[in-house]
PDB file of N, CA and C in Angstrom:
ATOM      1  N   UNK A   1      -6.642  -3.289 -31.333  1.00  0.00           N
ATOM      2  CA  UNK A   1      -6.804  -3.895 -29.979  1.00  0.00           C
ATOM      3  C   UNK A   1      -7.265  -3.179 -29.103  1.00  0.00           C
ATOM      4  N   UNK A   2      -8.155  -3.712 -28.180  1.00  0.00           N
ATOM      5  CA  UNK A   2      -8.911  -2.803 -27.046  1.00  0.00           C
ATOM      6  C   UNK A   2      -7.892  -2.699 -26.013  1.00  0.00           C
ATOM      7  N   UNK A   3      -8.011  -1.728 -25.143  1.00  0.00           N
ATOM      8  CA  UNK A   3      -7.485  -1.362 -24.028  1.00  0.00           C
ATOM      9  C   UNK A   3      -7.739  -2.303 -23.163  1.00  0.00           C
ATOM     10  N   UNK A   4      -6.965  -2.710 -21.986  1.00  0.00           N
ATOM     11  CA  UNK A   4      -7.004  -3.526 -20.909  1.00  0.00           C
ATOM     12  C   UNK A   4      -7.888  -2.823 -19.735  1.00  0.00           C
ATOM     13  N   UNK A   5      -8.013  -1.483 -19.556  1.00  0.00           N
ATOM     14  CA  UNK A   5      -8.366  -0.604 -18.644  1.00  0.00           C
ATOM     15  C   UNK A   5      -9.490   0.221 -19.378  1.00  0.00           C
ATOM     16  N   UNK A   6     -10.467   0.071 -18.633  1.00  0.00           N
ATOM     17  CA  UNK A   6     -12.034   0.612 -19.330  1.00  0.00           C
ATOM     18  C   UNK A   6     -11.624   2.391 -18.789  1.00  0.00           C
ATOM     19  N   UNK A   7     -12.752   2.995 -19.450  1.00  0.00           N
ATOM     20  CA  UNK A   7     -12.704   4.776 -19.450  1.00  0.00           C
ATOM     21  C   UNK A   7     -13.016   4.893 -17.689  1.00  0.00           C
ATOM     22  N   UNK A   8     -13.784   4.081 -17.282  1.00  0.00           N
ATOM     23  CA  UNK A   8     -14.317   4.510 -15.841  1.00  0.00           C
ATOM     24  C   UNK A   8     -13.199   4.167 -15.021  1.00  0.00           C
ATOM     25  N   UNK A   9     -12.320   3.202 -15.292  1.00  0.00           N
ATOM     26  CA  UNK A   9     -11.014   3.094 -14.356  1.00  0.00           C
ATOM     27  C   UNK A   9     -10.017   4.221 -14.367  1.00  0.00           C
ATOM     28  N   UNK A  10     -10.456   4.694 -15.633  1.00  0.00           N
ATOM     29  CA  UNK A  10      -9.573   5.878 -15.668  1.00  0.00           C
ATOM     30  C   UNK A  10      -9.730   7.117 -15.174  1.00  0.00           C
ATOM     31  N   UNK A  11     -11.122   7.190 -15.237  1.00  0.00           N
ATOM     32  CA  UNK A  11     -11.590   8.682 -14.600  1.00  0.00           C
ATOM     33  C   UNK A  11     -11.531   8.858 -13.258  1.00  0.00           C
ATOM     34  N   UNK A  12     -11.255   7.856 -12.204  1.00  0.00           N
ATOM     35  CA  UNK A  12     -11.286   8.007 -10.892  1.00  0.00           C
ATOM     36  C   UNK A  12     -11.122   6.766  -9.887  1.00  0.00           C
ATOM     37  N   UNK A  13     -10.739   7.147  -8.953  1.00  0.00           N
ATOM     38  CA  UNK A  13     -10.287   5.980  -7.981  1.00  0.00           C
ATOM     39  C   UNK A  13     -11.871   5.547  -7.614  1.00  0.00           C
ATOM     40  N   UNK A  14     -11.696   4.230  -7.297  1.00  0.00           N
ATOM     41  CA  UNK A  14     -13.029   3.332  -6.657  1.00  0.00           C
ATOM     42  C   UNK A  14     -13.808   4.594  -5.381  1.00  0.00           C
ATOM     43  N   UNK A  15     -12.612   5.031  -4.688  1.00  0.00           N
ATOM     44  CA  UNK A  15     -13.240   5.901  -3.650  1.00  0.00           C
ATOM     45  C   UNK A  15     -14.017   7.161  -4.177  1.00  0.00           C
ATOM     46  N   UNK A  16     -13.605   7.969  -5.319  1.00  0.00           N
ATOM     47  CA  UNK A  16     -14.181   8.933  -5.976  1.00  0.00           C
ATOM     48  C   UNK A  16     -15.336   8.448  -6.795  1.00  0.00           C
ATOM     49  N   UNK A  17     -15.293   7.323  -7.275  1.00  0.00           N
ATOM     50  CA  UNK A  17     -16.574   6.886  -7.917  1.00  0.00           C
ATOM     51  C   UNK A  17     -17.773   6.431  -6.879  1.00  0.00           C
ATOM     52  N   UNK A  18     -17.477   5.626  -5.802  1.00  0.00           N
ATOM     53  CA  UNK A  18     -18.223   5.710  -4.675  1.00  0.00           C
ATOM     54  C   UNK A  18     -19.044   7.135  -4.082  1.00  0.00           C
ATOM     55  N   UNK A  19     -18.047   7.884  -3.805  1.00  0.00           N
ATOM     56  CA  UNK A  19     -18.648   9.318  -3.418  1.00  0.00           C
ATOM     57  C   UNK A  19     -19.483   9.607  -4.239  1.00  0.00           C
ATOM     58  N   UNK A  20     -19.402   9.615  -5.563  1.00  0.00           N
ATOM     59  CA  UNK A  20     -20.313  10.280  -6.608  1.00  0.00           C
ATOM     60  C   UNK A  20     -21.792   9.202  -6.885  1.00  0.00           C
ATOM     61  N   UNK A  21     -21.429   8.052  -6.533  1.00  0.00           N
ATOM     62  CA  UNK A  21     -22.691   7.209  -6.348  1.00  0.00           C
ATOM     63  C   UNK A  21     -23.789   7.671  -5.286  1.00  0.00           C
ATOM     64  N   UNK A  22     -22.930   8.147  -4.091  1.00  0.00           N
ATOM     65  CA  UNK A  22     -23.575   8.469  -2.739  1.00  0.00           C
ATOM     66  C   UNK A  22     -24.083   9.736  -3.133  1.00  0.00           C
ATOM     67  N   UNK A  23     -23.458  10.728  -3.436  1.00  0.00           N
ATOM     68  CA  UNK A  23     -23.962  12.108  -3.992  1.00  0.00           C
ATOM     69  C   UNK A  23     -25.259  12.255  -4.699  1.00  0.00           C
ATOM     70  N   UNK A  24     -25.056  11.260  -5.741  1.00  0.00           N
ATOM     71  CA  UNK A  24     -25.950  11.172  -6.685  1.00  0.00           C
ATOM     72  C   UNK A  24     -27.082  10.594  -6.379  1.00  0.00           C
ATOM     73  N   UNK A  25     -27.259  10.062  -5.271  1.00  0.00           N
ATOM     74  CA  UNK A  25     -28.427   9.068  -4.678  1.00  0.00           C
ATOM     75  C   UNK A  25     -28.553   7.747  -5.524  1.00  0.00           C
ATOM     76  N   UNK A  26     -27.613   7.355  -6.013  1.00  0.00           N
ATOM     77  CA  UNK A  26     -27.468   5.906  -6.505  1.00  0.00           C
ATOM     78  C   UNK A  26     -27.199   4.921  -5.247  1.00  0.00           C
ATOM     79  N   UNK A  27     -26.392   5.290  -4.448  1.00  0.00           N
ATOM     80  CA  UNK A  27     -26.124   4.278  -3.282  1.00  0.00           C
ATOM     81  C   UNK A  27     -26.310   5.152  -2.108  1.00  0.00           C
ATOM     82  N   UNK A  28     -27.321   4.591  -1.254  1.00  0.00           N
ATOM     83  CA  UNK A  28     -27.766   4.927   0.010  1.00  0.00           C
ATOM     84  C   UNK A  28     -26.408   5.164   0.879  1.00  0.00           C
ATOM     85  N   UNK A  29     -26.322   6.192   1.912  1.00  0.00           N
ATOM     86  CA  UNK A  29     -25.297   6.067   2.748  1.00  0.00           C
ATOM     87  C   UNK A  29     -25.147   4.971   3.680  1.00  0.00           C
ATOM     88  N   UNK A  30     -26.270   4.277   4.006  1.00  0.00           N
ATOM     89  CA  UNK A  30     -26.236   3.097   4.960  1.00  0.00           C
ATOM     90  C   UNK A  30     -25.629   1.918   4.306  1.00  0.00           C
ATOM     91  N   UNK A  31     -25.776   1.938   2.865  1.00  0.00           N
ATOM     92  CA  UNK A  31     -24.846   0.944   2.213  1.00  0.00           C
ATOM     93  C   UNK A  31     -23.797   0.998   1.662  1.00  0.00           C
ATOM     94  N   UNK A  32     -23.200   2.039   2.168  1.00  0.00           N
ATOM     95  CA  UNK A  32     -21.561   2.374   1.594  1.00  0.00           C
ATOM     96  C   UNK A  32     -20.624   1.047   1.848  1.00  0.00           C
ATOM     97  N   UNK A  33     -19.651   0.693   1.301  1.00  0.00           N
ATOM     98  CA  UNK A  33     -18.495  -0.055   1.626  1.00  0.00           C
ATOM     99  C   UNK A  33     -18.130  -0.002   2.988  1.00  0.00           C
ATOM    100  N   UNK A  34     -17.343  -1.170   3.684  1.00  0.00           N
ATOM    101  CA  UNK A  34     -17.039  -0.770   4.840  1.00  0.00           C
ATOM    102  C   UNK A  34     -15.635  -0.124   5.115  1.00  0.00           C
ATOM    103  N   UNK A  35     -15.105  -0.143   3.937  1.00  0.00           N
ATOM    104  CA  UNK A  35     -13.803   0.440   4.083  1.00  0.00           C
ATOM    105  C   UNK A  35     -13.825   2.082   3.759  1.00  0.00           C
ATOM    106  N   UNK A  36     -14.935   2.672   3.092  1.00  0.00           N
ATOM    107  CA  UNK A  36     -15.452   3.980   2.818  1.00  0.00           C
ATOM    108  C   UNK A  36     -14.812   4.931   3.982  1.00  0.00           C
ATOM    109  N   UNK A  37     -15.191   4.666   5.093  1.00  0.00           N
ATOM    110  CA  UNK A  37     -15.158   5.551   6.192  1.00  0.00           C
ATOM    111  C   UNK A  37     -13.763   5.500   6.763  1.00  0.00           C
ATOM    112  N   UNK A  38     -13.035   4.153   6.560  1.00  0.00           N
ATOM    113  CA  UNK A  38     -11.662   4.146   7.013  1.00  0.00           C
ATOM    114  C   UNK A  38     -10.560   5.095   5.954  1.00  0.00           C
ATOM    115  N   UNK A  39     -11.037   5.194   4.788  1.00  0.00           N
ATOM    116  CA  UNK A  39     -10.354   5.565   3.722  1.00  0.00           C
ATOM    117  C   UNK A  39     -10.518   7.207   3.843  1.00  0.00           C
ATOM    118  N   UNK A  40     -11.922   7.767   4.218  1.00  0.00           N
ATOM    119  CA  UNK A  40     -11.945   8.897   4.164  1.00  0.00           C
ATOM    120  C   UNK A  40     -11.372   9.598   5.371  1.00  0.00           C
ATOM    121  N   UNK A  41     -11.223   8.854   6.355  1.00  0.00           N
ATOM    122  CA  UNK A  41     -10.642   9.299   7.619  1.00  0.00           C
ATOM    123  C   UNK A  41      -8.961   9.330   7.253  1.00  0.00           C
ATOM    124  N   UNK A  42      -8.504   8.516   6.882  1.00  0.00           N
ATOM    125  CA  UNK A  42      -7.048   8.189   6.594  1.00  0.00           C
ATOM    126  C   UNK A  42      -6.798   7.933   5.087  1.00  0.00           C
ATOM    127  N   UNK A  43      -6.819   9.065   4.386  1.00  0.00           N
ATOM    128  CA  UNK A  43      -6.376   9.092   2.807  1.00  0.00           C
ATOM    129  C   UNK A  43      -4.980   8.676   2.668  1.00  0.00           C
ATOM    130  N   UNK A  44      -4.720   7.708   1.591  1.00  0.00           N
ATOM    131  CA  UNK A  44      -3.370   7.551   1.335  1.00  0.00           C
ATOM    132  C   UNK A  44      -2.539   8.813   1.042  1.00  0.00           C
ATOM    133  N   UNK A  45      -1.057   8.753   1.284  1.00  0.00           N
ATOM    134  CA  UNK A  45      -0.301   9.886   0.799  1.00  0.00           C
ATOM    135  C   UNK A  45      -0.290  10.106  -0.438  1.00  0.00           C
ATOM    136  N   UNK A  46      -0.403   9.481  -1.258  1.00  0.00           N
ATOM    137  CA  UNK A  46      -0.317   9.575  -2.695  1.00  0.00           C
ATOM    138  C   UNK A  46      -1.435   8.625  -3.469  1.00  0.00           C
ATOM    139  N   UNK A  47      -2.125   9.497  -3.888  1.00  0.00           N
ATOM    140  CA  UNK A  47      -3.561   8.929  -4.478  1.00  0.00           C
ATOM    141  C   UNK A  47      -3.472   7.843  -5.589  1.00  0.00           C
ATOM    142  N   UNK A  48      -3.853   6.617  -5.292  1.00  0.00           N
ATOM    143  CA  UNK A  48      -3.663   5.659  -6.359  1.00  0.00           C
ATOM    144  C   UNK A  48      -3.869   5.847  -7.589  1.00  0.00           C
ATOM    145  N   UNK A  49      -3.203   5.492  -8.596  1.00  0.00           N
ATOM    146  CA  UNK A  49      -3.517   5.859  -9.926  1.00  0.00           C
ATOM    147  C   UNK A  49      -3.216   4.415 -11.132  1.00  0.00           C
ATOM    148  N   UNK A  50      -3.951   4.751 -12.092  1.00  0.00           N
ATOM    149  CA  UNK A  50      -3.949   3.442 -12.978  1.00  0.00           C
ATOM    150  C   UNK A  50      -2.815   3.225 -13.813  1.00  0.00           C
ATOM    151  N   UNK A  51      -1.957   4.257 -14.173  1.00  0.00           N
ATOM    152  CA  UNK A  51      -0.573   4.091 -14.807  1.00  0.00           C
ATOM    153  C   UNK A  51       0.187   4.488 -14.138  1.00  0.00           C
ATOM    154  N   UNK A  52       0.330   3.672 -12.959  1.00  0.00           N
ATOM    155  CA  UNK A  52       1.797   3.831 -11.954  1.00  0.00           C
ATOM    156  C   UNK A  52       2.827   3.249 -13.072  1.00  0.00           C
ATOM    157  N   UNK A  53       3.976   3.873 -12.503  1.00  0.00           N
ATOM    158  CA  UNK A  53       5.200   3.388 -13.328  1.00  0.00           C
ATOM    159  C   UNK A  53       5.750   2.491 -12.879  1.00  0.00           C
ATOM    160  N   UNK A  54       6.183   1.339 -13.411  1.00  0.00           N
ATOM    161  CA  UNK A  54       6.659  -0.103 -12.732  1.00  0.00           C
ATOM    162  C   UNK A  54       7.883   0.080 -13.413  1.00  0.00           C
ATOM    163  N   UNK A  55       9.117  -0.547 -12.540  1.00  0.00           N
ATOM    164  CA  UNK A  55      10.335  -0.866 -12.843  1.00  0.00           C
ATOM    165  C   UNK A  55      10.458  -1.712 -14.180  1.00  0.00           C
ATOM    166  N   UNK A  56      11.339  -1.489 -15.089  1.00  0.00           N
ATOM    167  CA  UNK A  56      11.440  -2.118 -16.130  1.00  0.00           C
ATOM    168  C   UNK A  56      12.175  -3.728 -15.757  1.00  0.00           C
ATOM    169  N   UNK A  57      11.819  -4.502 -16.658  1.00  0.00           N
ATOM    170  CA  UNK A  57      12.528  -5.920 -16.504  1.00  0.00           C
ATOM    171  C   UNK A  57      14.018  -5.974 -16.514  1.00  0.00           C
ATOM    172  N   UNK A  58      14.606  -6.457 -15.506  1.00  0.00           N
ATOM    173  CA  UNK A  58      16.078  -6.639 -15.612  1.00  0.00           C
ATOM    174  C   UNK A  58      16.742  -5.265 -14.688  1.00  0.00           C
ATOM    175  N   UNK A  59      15.761  -4.403 -14.671  1.00  0.00           N
ATOM    176  CA  UNK A  59      16.693  -3.193 -13.670  1.00  0.00           C
ATOM    177  C   UNK A  59      16.284  -3.443 -12.381  1.00  0.00           C
ATOM    178  N   UNK A  60      17.484  -3.162 -11.495  1.00  0.00           N
ATOM    179  CA  UNK A  60      17.771  -3.298 -10.090  1.00  0.00           C
ATOM    180  C   UNK A  60      16.478  -2.631  -9.450  1.00  0.00           C
ATOM    181  N   UNK A  61      15.911  -3.473  -8.589  1.00  0.00           N
ATOM    182  CA  UNK A  61      14.866  -2.743  -7.547  1.00  0.00           C
ATOM    183  C   UNK A  61      15.649  -1.791  -6.346  1.00  0.00           C
ATOM    184  N   UNK A  62      15.285  -0.682  -6.431  1.00  0.00           N
ATOM    185  CA  UNK A  62      15.896   0.450  -5.218  1.00  0.00           C
ATOM    186  C   UNK A  62      15.885  -0.228  -4.053  1.00  0.00           C
ATOM    187  N   UNK A  63      16.798  -0.451  -3.071  1.00  0.00           N
ATOM    188  CA  UNK A  63      16.902  -0.853  -1.896  1.00  0.00           C
ATOM    189  C   UNK A  63      16.315  -0.022  -1.124  1.00  0.00           C
ATOM    190  N   UNK A  64      15.663  -0.626  -0.082  1.00  0.00           N
ATOM    191  CA  UNK A  64      14.698   0.338   0.974  1.00  0.00           C
ATOM    192  C   UNK A  64      15.500   0.023   2.146  1.00  0.00           C
ATOM    193  N   UNK A  65      16.210   0.984   2.906  1.00  0.00           N
ATOM    194  CA  UNK A  65      16.991   0.793   4.076  1.00  0.00           C
ATOM    195  C   UNK A  65      16.778   1.936   4.882  1.00  0.00           C
ATOM    196  N   UNK A  66      16.342   2.033   6.040  1.00  0.00           N
ATOM    197  CA  UNK A  66      16.006   3.265   6.930  1.00  0.00           C
ATOM    198  C   UNK A  66      17.093   3.114   8.011  1.00  0.00           C
ATOM    199  N   UNK A  67      17.326   4.595   8.205  1.00  0.00           N
ATOM    200  CA  UNK A  67      18.393   4.530   9.758  1.00  0.00           C
ATOM    201  C   UNK A  67      18.078   3.401  10.647  1.00  0.00           C
ATOM    202  N   UNK A  68      16.719   3.821  11.199  1.00  0.00           N
ATOM    203  CA  UNK A  68      16.256   2.969  12.549  1.00  0.00           C
ATOM    204  C   UNK A  68      16.592   1.497  12.006  1.00  0.00           C
ATOM    205  N   UNK A  69      16.614   0.982  10.645  1.00  0.00           N
ATOM    206  CA  UNK A  69      16.754  -0.374  10.538  1.00  0.00           C
ATOM    207  C   UNK A  69      18.153  -0.633  11.092  1.00  0.00           C
ATOM    208  N   UNK A  70      19.133   0.052  10.967  1.00  0.00           N
ATOM    209  CA  UNK A  70      20.572  -0.057  10.833  1.00  0.00           C
ATOM    210  C   UNK A  70      20.792  -0.038  12.582  1.00  0.00           C
ATOM    211  N   UNK A  71      20.114   0.738  13.194  1.00  0.00           N
ATOM    212  CA  UNK A  71      20.221   1.226  14.693  1.00  0.00           C
ATOM    213  C   UNK A  71      19.722  -0.119  15.526  1.00  0.00           C
ATOM    214  N   UNK A  72      18.435  -0.557  14.828  1.00  0.00           N
ATOM    215  CA  UNK A  72      17.657  -1.727  15.443  1.00  0.00           C
ATOM    216  C   UNK A  72      18.788  -2.922  15.471  1.00  0.00           C
ATOM    217  N   UNK A  73      19.431  -2.972  14.093  1.00  0.00           N
ATOM    218  CA  UNK A  73      20.309  -4.434  13.952  1.00  0.00           C
ATOM    219  C   UNK A  73      21.412  -4.439  14.770  1.00  0.00           C
ATOM    220  N   UNK A  74      21.700  -3.079  15.203  1.00  0.00           N
ATOM    221  CA  UNK A  74      23.156  -2.843  16.124  1.00  0.00           C
ATOM    222  C   UNK A  74      22.707  -3.224  17.257  1.00  0.00           C
ATOM    223  N   UNK A  75      21.466  -2.642  17.825  1.00  0.00           N
ATOM    224  CA  UNK A  75      21.031  -2.970  19.107  1.00  0.00           C
ATOM    225  C   UNK A  75      21.072  -4.654  19.391  1.00  0.00           C
ATOM    226  N   UNK A  76      20.354  -5.116  18.555  1.00  0.00           N
ATOM    227  CA  UNK A  76      20.351  -6.527  18.620  1.00  0.00           C
ATOM    228  C   UNK A  76      21.249  -7.115  18.898  1.00  0.00           C
ATOM    229  N   UNK A  77      22.503  -7.291  17.770  1.00  0.00           N
ATOM    230  CA  UNK A  77      23.605  -7.817  17.831  1.00  0.00           C
ATOM    231  C   UNK A  77      24.483  -7.338  19.218  1.00  0.00           C
ATOM    232  N   UNK A  78      24.296  -6.321  19.726  1.00  0.00           N
ATOM    233  CA  UNK A  78      25.074  -6.305  21.008  1.00  0.00           C
ATOM    234  C   UNK A  78      24.151  -6.773  22.264  1.00  0.00           C
ATOM    235  N   UNK A  79      23.067  -6.740  22.329  1.00  0.00           N
ATOM    236  CA  UNK A  79      22.144  -7.414  23.244  1.00  0.00           C
ATOM    237  C   UNK A  79      22.014  -9.013  23.033  1.00  0.00           C
ATOM    238  N   UNK A  80      21.954  -9.206  21.963  1.00  0.00           N
ATOM    239  CA  UNK A  80      21.669 -10.789  22.053  1.00  0.00           C
ATOM    240  C   UNK A  80      23.065 -11.536  21.925  1.00  0.00           C
ATOM    241  N   UNK A  81      23.920 -11.000  21.549  1.00  0.00           N
ATOM    242  CA  UNK A  81      25.551 -12.027  21.581  1.00  0.00           C
ATOM    243  C   UNK A  81      25.411 -12.477  20.326  1.00  0.00           C
ATOM    244  N   UNK A  82      24.514 -12.652  19.688  1.00  0.00           N
ATOM    245  CA  UNK A  82      24.704 -13.685  18.522  1.00  0.00           C
ATOM    246  C   UNK A  82      25.208 -13.079  17.311  1.00  0.00           C
ATOM    247  N   UNK A  83      25.816 -13.900  16.633  1.00  0.00           N
ATOM    248  CA  UNK A  83      26.749 -13.499  15.382  1.00  0.00           C
ATOM    249  C   UNK A  83      26.336 -13.908  14.112  1.00  0.00           C
ATOM    250  N   UNK A  84      25.659 -15.502  14.446  1.00  0.00           N
ATOM    251  CA  UNK A  84      25.046 -16.107  13.129  1.00  0.00           C
ATOM    252  C   UNK A  84      23.311 -15.565  13.033  1.00  0.00           C
ATOM    253  N   UNK A  85      22.784 -16.037  11.831  1.00  0.00           N
ATOM    254  CA  UNK A  85      21.449 -15.585  11.629  1.00  0.00           C
ATOM    255  C   UNK A  85      20.367 -16.104  12.559  1.00  0.00           C
ATOM    256  N   UNK A  86      19.459 -15.421  12.759  1.00  0.00           N
ATOM    257  CA  UNK A  86      18.488 -15.915  13.962  1.00  0.00           C
ATOM    258  C   UNK A  86      17.588 -16.745  13.036  1.00  0.00           C
ATOM    259  N   UNK A  87      17.439 -17.848  13.659  1.00  0.00           N
ATOM    260  CA  UNK A  87      16.295 -18.899  13.281  1.00  0.00           C
ATOM    261  C   UNK A  87      14.975 -18.648  13.746  1.00  0.00           C
ATOM    262  N   UNK A  88      14.130 -18.316  13.102  1.00  0.00           N
ATOM    263  CA  UNK A  88      12.756 -18.193  14.080  1.00  0.00           C
ATOM    264  C   UNK A  88      12.174 -19.622  14.594  1.00  0.00           C
ATOM    265  N   UNK A  89      12.527 -20.448  14.364  1.00  0.00           N
ATOM    266  CA  UNK A  89      12.156 -21.901  14.685  1.00  0.00           C
ATOM    267  C   UNK A  89      12.715 -22.418  16.010  1.00  0.00           C
ATOM    268  N   UNK A  90      13.823 -21.419  16.193  1.00  0.00           N
ATOM    269  CA  UNK A  90      14.534 -21.499  17.505  1.00  0.00           C
ATOM    270  C   UNK A  90      13.071 -21.502  18.981  1.00  0.00           C
ATOM    271  N   UNK A  91      13.536 -22.210  19.518  1.00  0.00           N
ATOM    272  CA  UNK A  91      12.918 -21.659  21.213  1.00  0.00           C
ATOM    273  C   UNK A  91      13.396 -21.218  22.174  1.00  0.00           C
ATOM    274  N   UNK A  92      14.506 -20.236  21.708  1.00  0.00           N
ATOM    275  CA  UNK A  92      15.017 -19.490  22.782  1.00  0.00           C
ATOM    276  C   UNK A  92      14.486 -18.245  23.432  1.00  0.00           C
TER     277      UNK A  92
END
């Protein structure tokens, strides 16, 4: 059975492959993708990889709750005086 991911996809990210094309002269600097300069100026904290580990089926997803979320909720409750769920359709 063949693999779903080609060798080219395993060898490096799209950014590094585009960089290689530019350095090798296969792609002109003026023809680079629009996102190239943004990615170069602000690279991700963790390089995207093709074999990222995904949670197994049925395993609970880790809760993401930051301290500032709790503080924001407390302040909203105190300032608004509302105890019920906020409906975005309200015109208040």
